[in-house]
PDB file of N, CA and C in Angstrom:
ATOM      1  N   MET A   1     104.696 135.686 120.080  1.00  0.00           N
ATOM      2  CA  MET A   1     105.251 136.426 118.987  1.00  0.00           C
ATOM      3  C   MET A   1     105.855 137.724 119.508  1.00  0.00           C
ATOM      4  N   GLU A   2     107.010 138.030 119.030  1.00  0.00           N
ATOM      5  CA  GLU A   2     107.703 139.213 119.495  1.00  0.00           C
ATOM      6  C   GLU A   2     107.392 140.394 118.597  1.00  0.00           C
ATOM      7  N   GLY A   3     107.531 141.566 119.144  1.00  0.00           N
ATOM      8  CA  GLY A   3     107.249 142.781 118.393  1.00  0.00           C
ATOM      9  C   GLY A   3     108.398 143.175 117.494  1.00  0.00           C
ATOM     10  N   THR A   4     108.350 144.412 117.021  1.00  0.00           N
ATOM     11  CA  THR A   4     109.361 144.904 116.092  1.00  0.00           C
ATOM     12  C   THR A   4     110.675 145.212 116.792  1.00  0.00           C
ATOM     13  N   ASN A   5     110.737 145.119 118.111  1.00  0.00           N
ATOM     14  CA  ASN A   5     111.957 145.406 118.853  1.00  0.00           C
ATOM     15  C   ASN A   5     112.913 144.217 118.900  1.00  0.00           C
ATOM     16  N   SER A   6     112.622 143.142 118.199  1.00  0.00           N
ATOM     17  CA  SER A   6     113.472 141.956 118.202  1.00  0.00           C
ATOM     18  C   SER A   6     114.822 142.272 117.576  1.00  0.00           C
ATOM     19  N   THR A   7     115.869 141.877 118.270  1.00  0.00           N
ATOM     20  CA  THR A   7     117.198 142.054 117.715  1.00  0.00           C
ATOM     21  C   THR A   7     117.509 140.874 116.799  1.00  0.00           C
ATOM     22  N   TYR A   8     118.565 141.030 116.021  1.00  0.00           N
ATOM     23  CA  TYR A   8     118.960 139.950 115.123  1.00  0.00           C
ATOM     24  C   TYR A   8     119.293 138.688 115.918  1.00  0.00           C
ATOM     25  N   ASP A   9     119.967 138.850 117.053  1.00  0.00           N
ATOM     26  CA  ASP A   9     120.348 137.682 117.861  1.00  0.00           C
ATOM     27  C   ASP A   9     119.124 136.931 118.371  1.00  0.00           C
ATOM     28  N   GLU A  10     118.091 137.653 118.785  1.00  0.00           N
ATOM     29  CA  GLU A  10     116.855 137.006 119.242  1.00  0.00           C
ATOM     30  C   GLU A  10     116.171 136.272 118.090  1.00  0.00           C
ATOM     31  N   LYS A  11     116.121 136.931 116.938  1.00  0.00           N
ATOM     32  CA  LYS A  11     115.513 136.310 115.756  1.00  0.00           C
ATOM     33  C   LYS A  11     116.303 135.071 115.336  1.00  0.00           C
ATOM     34  N   PHE A  12     117.640 135.189 115.365  1.00  0.00           N
ATOM     35  CA  PHE A  12     118.482 134.069 114.980  1.00  0.00           C
ATOM     36  C   PHE A  12     118.286 132.893 115.936  1.00  0.00           C
ATOM     37  N   GLN A  13     118.137 133.161 117.221  1.00  0.00           N
ATOM     38  CA  GLN A  13     117.918 132.105 118.204  1.00  0.00           C
ATOM     39  C   GLN A  13     116.583 131.398 117.950  1.00  0.00           C
ATOM     40  N   ARG A  14     115.529 132.154 117.672  1.00  0.00           N
ATOM     41  CA  ARG A  14     114.225 131.556 117.357  1.00  0.00           C
ATOM     42  C   ARG A  14     114.296 130.745 116.075  1.00  0.00           C
ATOM     43  N   PHE A  15     115.009 131.281 115.089  1.00  0.00           N
ATOM     44  CA  PHE A  15     115.194 130.598 113.806  1.00  0.00           C
ATOM     45  C   PHE A  15     115.922 129.267 114.010  1.00  0.00           C
ATOM     46  N   SER A  16     116.995 129.285 114.773  1.00  0.00           N
ATOM     47  CA  SER A  16     117.757 128.068 115.046  1.00  0.00           C
ATOM     48  C   SER A  16     116.925 127.052 115.827  1.00  0.00           C
ATOM     49  N   ASN A  17     116.105 127.528 116.759  1.00  0.00           N
ATOM     50  CA  ASN A  17     115.250 126.624 117.539  1.00  0.00           C
ATOM     51  C   ASN A  17     114.221 125.915 116.668  1.00  0.00           C
ATOM     52  N   ILE A  18     113.599 126.627 115.748  1.00  0.00           N
ATOM     53  CA  ILE A  18     112.583 126.005 114.883  1.00  0.00           C
ATOM     54  C   ILE A  18     113.245 125.017 113.927  1.00  0.00           C
ATOM     55  N   ILE A  19     114.437 125.341 113.440  1.00  0.00           N
ATOM     56  CA  ILE A  19     115.170 124.412 112.566  1.00  0.00           C
ATOM     57  C   ILE A  19     115.516 123.146 113.349  1.00  0.00           C
ATOM     58  N   SER A  20     115.960 123.307 114.569  1.00  0.00           N
ATOM     59  CA  SER A  20     116.292 122.161 115.411  1.00  0.00           C
ATOM     60  C   SER A  20     115.070 121.282 115.661  1.00  0.00           C
ATOM     61  N   THR A  21     113.941 121.901 115.939  1.00  0.00           N
ATOM     62  CA  THR A  21     112.701 121.154 116.163  1.00  0.00           C
ATOM     63  C   THR A  21     112.307 120.372 114.917  1.00  0.00           C
ATOM     64  N   LYS A  22     112.401 121.003 113.769  1.00  0.00           N
ATOM     65  CA  LYS A  22     112.032 120.334 112.508  1.00  0.00           C
ATOM     66  C   LYS A  22     112.981 119.168 112.206  1.00  0.00           C
ATOM     67  N   THR A  23     114.257 119.317 112.497  1.00  0.00           N
ATOM     68  CA  THR A  23     115.187 118.219 112.226  1.00  0.00           C
ATOM     69  C   THR A  23     114.902 117.038 113.152  1.00  0.00           C
ATOM     70  N   MET A  24     114.430 117.306 114.373  1.00  0.00           N
ATOM     71  CA  MET A  24     114.040 116.211 115.262  1.00  0.00           C
ATOM     72  C   MET A  24     112.779 115.510 114.766  1.00  0.00           C
ATOM     73  N   GLN A  25     111.991 116.181 113.921  1.00  0.00           N
ATOM     74  CA  GLN A  25     110.788 115.596 113.341  1.00  0.00           C
ATOM     75  C   GLN A  25     111.092 114.838 112.055  1.00  0.00           C
ATOM     76  N   GLY A  26     112.362 114.756 111.664  1.00  0.00           N
ATOM     77  CA  GLY A  26     112.745 113.982 110.492  1.00  0.00           C
ATOM     78  C   GLY A  26     113.120 114.787 109.272  1.00  0.00           C
ATOM     79  N   PHE A  27     113.075 116.098 109.351  1.00  0.00           N
ATOM     80  CA  PHE A  27     113.455 116.939 108.221  1.00  0.00           C
ATOM     81  C   PHE A  27     114.970 117.088 108.173  1.00  0.00           C
ATOM     82  N   THR A  28     115.489 117.316 106.976  1.00  0.00           N
ATOM     83  CA  THR A  28     116.900 117.650 106.799  1.00  0.00           C
ATOM     84  C   THR A  28     116.985 119.025 106.144  1.00  0.00           C
ATOM     85  N   VAL A  29     118.052 119.734 106.407  1.00  0.00           N
ATOM     86  CA  VAL A  29     118.210 121.089 105.877  1.00  0.00           C
ATOM     87  C   VAL A  29     118.748 120.990 104.454  1.00  0.00           C
ATOM     88  N   ALA A  30     117.974 121.492 103.497  1.00  0.00           N
ATOM     89  CA  ALA A  30     118.404 121.501 102.099  1.00  0.00           C
ATOM     90  C   ALA A  30     119.142 122.795 101.777  1.00  0.00           C
ATOM     91  N   ASP A  31     118.695 123.897 102.383  1.00  0.00           N
ATOM     92  CA  ASP A  31     119.331 125.195 102.147  1.00  0.00           C
ATOM     93  C   ASP A  31     119.072 126.067 103.369  1.00  0.00           C
ATOM     94  N   ARG A  32     120.095 126.815 103.775  1.00  0.00           N
ATOM     95  CA  ARG A  32     119.951 127.674 104.954  1.00  0.00           C
ATOM     96  C   ARG A  32     120.736 128.950 104.742  1.00  0.00           C
ATOM     97  N   ASN A  33     120.087 130.089 104.961  1.00  0.00           N
ATOM     98  CA  ASN A  33     120.725 131.393 104.860  1.00  0.00           C
ATOM     99  C   ASN A  33     120.569 132.088 106.213  1.00  0.00           C
ATOM    100  N   ASP A  34     121.634 132.100 107.001  1.00  0.00           N
ATOM    101  CA  ASP A  34     121.577 132.684 108.343  1.00  0.00           C
ATOM    102  C   ASP A  34     121.486 134.207 108.318  1.00  0.00           C
ATOM    103  N   LYS A  35     121.958 134.825 107.264  1.00  0.00           N
ATOM    104  CA  LYS A  35     121.897 136.280 107.178  1.00  0.00           C
ATOM    105  C   LYS A  35     120.460 136.742 106.926  1.00  0.00           C
ATOM    106  N   ALA A  36     119.767 136.065 106.013  1.00  0.00           N
ATOM    107  CA  ALA A  36     118.381 136.423 105.697  1.00  0.00           C
ATOM    108  C   ALA A  36     117.375 135.680 106.568  1.00  0.00           C
ATOM    109  N   LEU A  37     117.846 134.732 107.383  1.00  0.00           N
ATOM    110  CA  LEU A  37     116.998 133.905 108.246  1.00  0.00           C
ATOM    111  C   LEU A  37     115.916 133.165 107.455  1.00  0.00           C
ATOM    112  N   VAL A  38     116.384 132.441 106.441  1.00  0.00           N
ATOM    113  CA  VAL A  38     115.499 131.630 105.599  1.00  0.00           C
ATOM    114  C   VAL A  38     116.133 130.259 105.434  1.00  0.00           C
ATOM    115  N   ALA A  39     115.308 129.217 105.505  1.00  0.00           N
ATOM    116  CA  ALA A  39     115.807 127.854 105.315  1.00  0.00           C
ATOM    117  C   ALA A  39     114.755 127.026 104.594  1.00  0.00           C
ATOM    118  N   VAL A  40     115.233 126.056 103.816  1.00  0.00           N
ATOM    119  CA  VAL A  40     114.355 125.080 103.169  1.00  0.00           C
ATOM    120  C   VAL A  40     114.695 123.723 103.758  1.00  0.00           C
ATOM    121  N   LEU A  41     113.670 123.029 104.244  1.00  0.00           N
ATOM    122  CA  LEU A  41     113.833 121.725 104.869  1.00  0.00           C
ATOM    123  C   LEU A  41     113.096 120.674 104.055  1.00  0.00           C
ATOM    124  N   VAL A  42     113.654 119.469 104.016  1.00  0.00           N
ATOM    125  CA  VAL A  42     113.084 118.370 103.215  1.00  0.00           C
ATOM    126  C   VAL A  42     112.893 117.159 104.108  1.00  0.00           C
ATOM    127  N   LYS A  43     111.752 116.504 103.937  1.00  0.00           N
ATOM    128  CA  LYS A  43     111.484 115.244 104.628  1.00  0.00           C
ATOM    129  C   LYS A  43     111.104 114.214 103.570  1.00  0.00           C
ATOM    130  N   GLN A  44     111.897 113.146 103.503  1.00  0.00           N
ATOM    131  CA  GLN A  44     111.658 112.107 102.515  1.00  0.00           C
ATOM    132  C   GLN A  44     110.349 111.379 102.834  1.00  0.00           C
ATOM    133  N   GLY A  45     109.683 110.923 101.803  1.00  0.00           N
ATOM    134  CA  GLY A  45     108.453 110.175 101.989  1.00  0.00           C
ATOM    135  C   GLY A  45     108.728 108.791 102.557  1.00  0.00           C
ATOM    136  N   GLU A  46     107.702 108.240 103.198  1.00  0.00           N
ATOM    137  CA  GLU A  46     107.852 106.909 103.783  1.00  0.00           C
ATOM    138  C   GLU A  46     107.823 105.845 102.687  1.00  0.00           C
ATOM    139  N   LYS A  47     108.613 104.812 102.871  1.00  0.00           N
ATOM    140  CA  LYS A  47     108.631 103.707 101.925  1.00  0.00           C
ATOM    141  C   LYS A  47     107.421 102.815 102.214  1.00  0.00           C
ATOM    142  N   ILE A  48     106.700 102.470 101.174  1.00  0.00           N
ATOM    143  CA  ILE A  48     105.479 101.670 101.302  1.00  0.00           C
ATOM    144  C   ILE A  48     105.765 100.241 100.841  1.00  0.00           C
ATOM    145  N   ASN A  49     105.395  99.285 101.666  1.00  0.00           N
ATOM    146  CA  ASN A  49     105.522  97.875 101.309  1.00  0.00           C
ATOM    147  C   ASN A  49     104.228  97.466 100.590  1.00  0.00           C
ATOM    148  N   HIS A  50     104.225  97.589  99.261  1.00  0.00           N
ATOM    149  CA  HIS A  50     103.006  97.351  98.489  1.00  0.00           C
ATOM    150  C   HIS A  50     102.556  95.893  98.540  1.00  0.00           C
ATOM    151  N   LEU A  51     103.480  94.968  98.587  1.00  0.00           N
ATOM    152  CA  LEU A  51     103.107  93.560  98.656  1.00  0.00           C
ATOM    153  C   LEU A  51     102.341  93.265  99.943  1.00  0.00           C
ATOM    154  N   LEU A  52     102.827  93.771 101.049  1.00  0.00           N
ATOM    155  CA  LEU A  52     102.145  93.577 102.328  1.00  0.00           C
ATOM    156  C   LEU A  52     100.740  94.173 102.302  1.00  0.00           C
ATOM    157  N   HIS A  53     100.606  95.381 101.773  1.00  0.00           N
ATOM    158  CA  HIS A  53      99.295  96.027 101.721  1.00  0.00           C
ATOM    159  C   HIS A  53      98.347  95.308 100.759  1.00  0.00           C
ATOM    160  N   PHE A  54      98.895  94.757  99.694  1.00  0.00           N
ATOM    161  CA  PHE A  54      98.069  93.967  98.778  1.00  0.00           C
ATOM    162  C   PHE A  54      97.525  92.726  99.476  1.00  0.00           C
ATOM    163  N   LEU A  55      98.380  92.041 100.220  1.00  0.00           N
ATOM    164  CA  LEU A  55      97.937  90.839 100.940  1.00  0.00           C
ATOM    165  C   LEU A  55      96.903  91.178 102.018  1.00  0.00           C
ATOM    166  N   ILE A  56      97.118  92.266 102.741  1.00  0.00           N
ATOM    167  CA  ILE A  56      96.139  92.674 103.753  1.00  0.00           C
ATOM    168  C   ILE A  56      94.817  93.045 103.081  1.00  0.00           C
ATOM    169  N   SER A  57      94.878  93.680 101.922  1.00  0.00           N
ATOM    170  CA  SER A  57      93.658  94.030 101.190  1.00  0.00           C
ATOM    171  C   SER A  57      92.895  92.780 100.766  1.00  0.00           C
ATOM    172  N   LEU A  58      93.626  91.746 100.343  1.00  0.00           N
ATOM    173  CA  LEU A  58      92.957  90.484  99.977  1.00  0.00           C
ATOM    174  C   LEU A  58      92.278  89.852 101.186  1.00  0.00           C
ATOM    175  N   ILE A  59      92.990  89.811 102.297  1.00  0.00           N
ATOM    176  CA  ILE A  59      92.454  89.189 103.506  1.00  0.00           C
ATOM    177  C   ILE A  59      91.239  89.959 104.030  1.00  0.00           C
ATOM    178  N   SER A  60      91.272  91.289 103.947  1.00  0.00           N
ATOM    179  CA  SER A  60      90.178  92.107 104.474  1.00  0.00           C
ATOM    180  C   SER A  60      89.090  92.381 103.438  1.00  0.00           C
ATOM    181  N   CYS A  61      89.083  91.640 102.337  1.00  0.00           N
ATOM    182  CA  CYS A  61      88.082  91.798 101.263  1.00  0.00           C
ATOM    183  C   CYS A  61      88.033  93.227 100.715  1.00  0.00           C
ATOM    184  N   GLY A  62      89.176  93.856 100.634  1.00  0.00           N
ATOM    185  CA  GLY A  62      89.271  95.172 100.016  1.00  0.00           C
ATOM    186  C   GLY A  62      89.133  96.357 100.960  1.00  0.00           C
ATOM    187  N   PHE A  63      88.776  96.131 102.207  1.00  0.00           N
ATOM    188  CA  PHE A  63      88.614  97.249 103.129  1.00  0.00           C
ATOM    189  C   PHE A  63      89.932  97.985 103.387  1.00  0.00           C
ATOM    190  N   TRP A  64      91.039  97.294 103.295  1.00  0.00           N
ATOM    191  CA  TRP A  64      92.345  97.899 103.557  1.00  0.00           C
ATOM    192  C   TRP A  64      92.804  98.795 102.400  1.00  0.00           C
ATOM    193  N   LEU A  65      92.103  98.753 101.275  1.00  0.00           N
ATOM    194  CA  LEU A  65      92.495  99.569 100.119  1.00  0.00           C
ATOM    195  C   LEU A  65      92.512 101.060 100.444  1.00  0.00           C
ATOM    196  N   PHE A  66      91.607 101.506 101.313  1.00  0.00           N
ATOM    197  CA  PHE A  66      91.554 102.929 101.666  1.00  0.00           C
ATOM    198  C   PHE A  66      92.809 103.352 102.426  1.00  0.00           C
ATOM    199  N   VAL A  67      93.246 102.506 103.337  1.00  0.00           N
ATOM    200  CA  VAL A  67      94.470 102.791 104.091  1.00  0.00           C
ATOM    201  C   VAL A  67      95.666 102.776 103.148  1.00  0.00           C
ATOM    202  N   TRP A  68      95.719 101.784 102.303  1.00  0.00           N
ATOM    203  CA  TRP A  68      96.815 101.656 101.346  1.00  0.00           C
ATOM    204  C   TRP A  68      96.868 102.880 100.428  1.00  0.00           C
ATOM    205  N   ALA A  69      95.711 103.301  99.929  1.00  0.00           N
ATOM    206  CA  ALA A  69      95.665 104.470  99.038  1.00  0.00           C
ATOM    207  C   ALA A  69      96.148 105.723  99.762  1.00  0.00           C
ATOM    208  N   TYR A  70      95.724 105.909 101.012  1.00  0.00           N
ATOM    209  CA  TYR A  70      96.171 107.070 101.790  1.00  0.00           C
ATOM    210  C   TYR A  70      97.691 107.059 101.953  1.00  0.00           C
ATOM    211  N   LEU A  71      98.226 105.920 102.328  1.00  0.00           N
ATOM    212  CA  LEU A  71      99.670 105.813 102.521  1.00  0.00           C
ATOM    213  C   LEU A  71     100.423 106.087 101.223  1.00  0.00           C
ATOM    214  N   ALA A  72      99.932 105.525 100.134  1.00  0.00           N
ATOM    215  CA  ALA A  72     100.612 105.679  98.854  1.00  0.00           C
ATOM    216  C   ALA A  72     100.522 107.109  98.315  1.00  0.00           C
ATOM    217  N   LEU A  73      99.396 107.785  98.564  1.00  0.00           N
ATOM    218  CA  LEU A  73      99.213 109.123  98.002  1.00  0.00           C
ATOM    219  C   LEU A  73      99.715 110.246  98.901  1.00  0.00           C
ATOM    220  N   VAL A  74      99.685 110.047 100.202  1.00  0.00           N
ATOM    221  CA  VAL A  74     100.039 111.134 101.113  1.00  0.00           C
ATOM    222  C   VAL A  74     101.381 110.898 101.795  1.00  0.00           C
ATOM    223  N   LYS A  75     101.542 109.786 102.446  1.00  0.00           N
ATOM    224  CA  LYS A  75     102.733 109.545 103.256  1.00  0.00           C
ATOM    225  C   LYS A  75     103.974 109.247 102.424  1.00  0.00           C
ATOM    226  N   ALA A  76     103.817 108.769 101.217  1.00  0.00           N
ATOM    227  CA  ALA A  76     104.973 108.389 100.407  1.00  0.00           C
ATOM    228  C   ALA A  76     105.607 109.584  99.686  1.00  0.00           C
ATOM    229  N   LYS A  77     104.972 110.749  99.739  1.00  0.00           N
ATOM    230  CA  LYS A  77     105.496 111.914  99.030  1.00  0.00           C
ATOM    231  C   LYS A  77     106.495 112.688  99.883  1.00  0.00           C
ATOM    232  N   GLU A  78     107.482 113.238  99.202  1.00  0.00           N
ATOM    233  CA  GLU A  78     108.467 114.095  99.851  1.00  0.00           C
ATOM    234  C   GLU A  78     107.804 115.412 100.273  1.00  0.00           C
ATOM    235  N   GLN A  79     108.185 115.931 101.424  1.00  0.00           N
ATOM    236  CA  GLN A  79     107.655 117.202 101.917  1.00  0.00           C
ATOM    237  C   GLN A  79     108.776 118.229 101.945  1.00  0.00           C
ATOM    238  N   ARG A  80     108.449 119.440 101.525  1.00  0.00           N
ATOM    239  CA  ARG A  80     109.406 120.553 101.584  1.00  0.00           C
ATOM    240  C   ARG A  80     108.746 121.714 102.301  1.00  0.00           C
ATOM    241  N   VAL A  81     109.517 122.349 103.184  1.00  0.00           N
ATOM    242  CA  VAL A  81     109.002 123.459 103.985  1.00  0.00           C
ATOM    243  C   VAL A  81     110.022 124.589 103.958  1.00  0.00           C
ATOM    244  N   ARG A  82     109.515 125.829 103.807  1.00  0.00           N
ATOM    245  CA  ARG A  82     110.381 127.014 103.891  1.00  0.00           C
ATOM    246  C   ARG A  82     110.099 127.684 105.230  1.00  0.00           C
ATOM    247  N   ILE A  83     111.154 127.899 106.010  1.00  0.00           N
ATOM    248  CA  ILE A  83     111.054 128.559 107.307  1.00  0.00           C
ATOM    249  C   ILE A  83     111.757 129.905 107.187  1.00  0.00           C
ATOM    250  N   SER A  84     111.106 130.958 107.690  1.00  0.00           N
ATOM    251  CA  SER A  84     111.742 132.275 107.684  1.00  0.00           C
ATOM    252  C   SER A  84     111.241 133.087 108.873  1.00  0.00           C
ATOM    253  N   ILE A  85     111.945 134.157 109.154  1.00  0.00           N
ATOM    254  CA  ILE A  85     111.587 135.091 110.217  1.00  0.00           C
ATOM    255  C   ILE A  85     111.370 136.451 109.559  1.00  0.00           C
ATOM    256  N   ASP A  86     110.208 137.067 109.818  1.00  0.00           N
ATOM    257  CA  ASP A  86     109.953 138.382 109.226  1.00  0.00           C
ATOM    258  C   ASP A  86     110.593 139.482 110.085  1.00  0.00           C
ATOM    259  N   HIS A  87     110.422 140.737 109.659  1.00  0.00           N
ATOM    260  CA  HIS A  87     111.057 141.866 110.354  1.00  0.00           C
ATOM    261  C   HIS A  87     110.560 142.024 111.781  1.00  0.00           C
ATOM    262  N   GLY A  88     109.341 141.579 112.050  1.00  0.00           N
ATOM    263  CA  GLY A  88     108.783 141.674 113.396  1.00  0.00           C
ATOM    264  C   GLY A  88     109.195 140.539 114.309  1.00  0.00           C
ATOM    265  N   GLY A  89     109.936 139.571 113.791  1.00  0.00           N
ATOM    266  CA  GLY A  89     110.381 138.442 114.598  1.00  0.00           C
ATOM    267  C   GLY A  89     109.424 137.263 114.572  1.00  0.00           C
ATOM    268  N   ASN A  90     108.428 137.300 113.699  1.00  0.00           N
ATOM    269  CA  ASN A  90     107.458 136.213 113.595  1.00  0.00           C
ATOM    270  C   ASN A  90     107.984 135.097 112.703  1.00  0.00           C
ATOM    271  N   ILE A  91     107.715 133.859 113.095  1.00  0.00           N
ATOM    272  CA  ILE A  91     108.138 132.700 112.313  1.00  0.00           C
ATOM    273  C   ILE A  91     107.123 132.443 111.220  1.00  0.00           C
ATOM    274  N   LEU A  92     107.603 132.326 109.993  1.00  0.00           N
ATOM    275  CA  LEU A  92     106.750 132.001 108.860  1.00  0.00           C
ATOM    276  C   LEU A  92     107.148 130.623 108.353  1.00  0.00           C
ATOM    277  N   GLU A  93     106.164 129.746 108.234  1.00  0.00           N
ATOM    278  CA  GLU A  93     106.418 128.390 107.737  1.00  0.00           C
ATOM    279  C   GLU A  93     105.435 128.116 106.608  1.00  0.00           C
ATOM    280  N   GLU A  94     105.973 127.813 105.433  1.00  0.00           N
ATOM    281  CA  GLU A  94     105.100 127.521 104.310  1.00  0.00           C
ATOM    282  C   GLU A  94     105.530 126.240 103.621  1.00  0.00           C
ATOM    283  N   LYS A  95     104.545 125.441 103.249  1.00  0.00           N
ATOM    284  CA  LYS A  95     104.809 124.203 102.527  1.00  0.00           C
ATOM    285  C   LYS A  95     105.090 124.532 101.077  1.00  0.00           C
ATOM    286  N   ILE A  96     106.066 123.868 100.517  1.00  0.00           N
ATOM    287  CA  ILE A  96     106.421 124.058  99.114  1.00  0.00           C
ATOM    288  C   ILE A  96     105.853 122.858  98.364  1.00  0.00           C
ATOM    289  N   LYS A  97     104.969 123.127  97.418  1.00  0.00           N
ATOM    290  CA  LYS A  97     104.372 122.049  96.641  1.00  0.00           C
ATOM    291  C   LYS A  97     105.310 121.627  95.522  1.00  0.00           C
ATOM    292  N   LEU A  98     105.488 120.335  95.396  1.00  0.00           N
ATOM    293  CA  LEU A  98     106.316 119.798  94.327  1.00  0.00           C
ATOM    294  C   LEU A  98     105.435 119.553  93.104  1.00  0.00           C
ATOM    295  N   GLN A  99     105.972 119.839  91.948  1.00  0.00           N
ATOM    296  CA  GLN A  99     105.180 119.654  90.728  1.00  0.00           C
ATOM    297  C   GLN A  99     105.569 118.431  89.992  1.00  0.00           C
TER     298      GLN A  99
END
């Protein structure tokens, strides 16, 4: 973490690097403000093959239901993240909860 002596160019470079890293992780940029160094990134939820999980649950006598429930409740939801740089040059990343 850099101190308060960070210039705008250094902050912008760190900001661009974190955005690049997040896009390689599957996020897309929904909104980006280079002047304020704030961005909102979105990652679509994974598509769940419910028929396949139902069949596996039948074969495993219901044990697969826990995996199926986890996938359906956690992995299938869209994720939103706000990335920003504070005055000291620190990266702030916060998850945005969808209602």
